Protein backbone atom coordinates (compact mmCIF):
# COMPACT_ATOMS: atom_id res chain seq x y z
CA UNK A 1 36.16 -150.68 21.68
CA UNK A 2 39.80 -150.37 20.70
CA UNK A 3 42.66 -151.41 22.97
CA UNK A 4 43.66 -147.75 23.36
CA UNK A 5 40.14 -146.83 24.43
CA UNK A 6 40.08 -149.68 26.97
CA UNK A 7 43.34 -148.41 28.48
CA UNK A 8 41.99 -144.85 28.67
CA UNK A 9 38.87 -146.08 30.46
CA UNK A 10 40.93 -148.12 32.91
CA UNK A 11 39.55 -151.41 31.62
CA UNK A 12 42.90 -152.70 30.43
CA UNK A 13 46.51 -152.27 31.37
CA UNK A 14 49.18 -151.38 28.84
CA UNK A 15 52.04 -153.82 28.55
CA UNK A 16 55.23 -152.36 29.95
CA UNK A 17 58.46 -153.21 28.21
CA UNK A 18 61.20 -154.50 30.46
CA UNK A 19 64.11 -152.07 30.65
CA UNK A 20 67.25 -152.92 28.72
CA UNK A 21 69.89 -154.40 31.00
CA UNK A 22 72.66 -152.00 31.92
CA UNK A 23 76.20 -153.00 30.98
CA UNK A 24 77.09 -153.39 34.67
CA UNK A 25 74.29 -155.97 35.05
CA UNK A 26 75.75 -158.25 32.36
CA UNK A 27 77.73 -161.33 33.33
CA UNK A 28 81.32 -161.81 32.18
CA UNK A 29 80.07 -164.47 29.76
CA UNK A 30 77.51 -162.06 28.27
CA UNK A 31 80.08 -159.27 27.95
CA UNK A 32 82.51 -161.63 26.20
CA UNK A 33 79.75 -162.71 23.82
CA UNK A 34 79.06 -159.07 22.91
CA UNK A 35 82.77 -158.39 22.41
CA UNK A 36 83.09 -161.52 20.25
CA UNK A 37 80.10 -160.40 18.15
CA UNK A 38 81.81 -157.04 17.57
CA UNK A 39 85.14 -158.70 16.74
CA UNK A 40 86.87 -157.08 19.71
CA UNK A 41 89.81 -158.99 21.13
CA UNK A 42 90.39 -159.22 24.88
CA UNK A 43 92.78 -161.08 27.19
CA UNK A 44 91.42 -164.47 28.30
CA UNK A 45 92.01 -163.58 31.96
CA UNK A 46 90.46 -160.10 31.70
CA UNK A 47 88.36 -159.02 34.67
CA UNK A 48 84.78 -157.79 34.31
CA UNK A 49 85.83 -154.15 34.69
CA UNK A 50 88.35 -154.49 31.83
CA UNK A 51 85.78 -156.16 29.60
CA UNK A 52 83.22 -153.47 30.36
CA UNK A 53 85.75 -150.77 29.48
CA UNK A 54 86.36 -152.42 26.10
CA UNK A 55 82.64 -152.76 25.46
CA UNK A 56 81.90 -149.17 26.44
CA UNK A 57 84.80 -147.88 24.34
CA UNK A 58 83.33 -149.69 21.35
CA UNK A 59 79.88 -148.25 22.01
CA UNK A 60 81.37 -144.77 22.28
CA UNK A 61 83.23 -145.25 18.99
CA UNK A 62 79.99 -146.35 17.29
CA UNK A 63 78.21 -143.19 18.46
CA UNK A 64 80.89 -140.94 16.94
CA UNK A 65 80.52 -142.48 13.47
């Protein structure tokens, strides 16, 4: 019996992928790491909201290209 058949018969459970974390759920350190990876500069004392705005602006720019 295939794995798909076992799931259909209720003999197995499909693995559920964990949802991607939302930008608001990221820590300041994680946001800064993403900005660094994209080469985006930010003030050292920037607050989380400012960093998120920079990150979201970059994501928006990527979607337009």
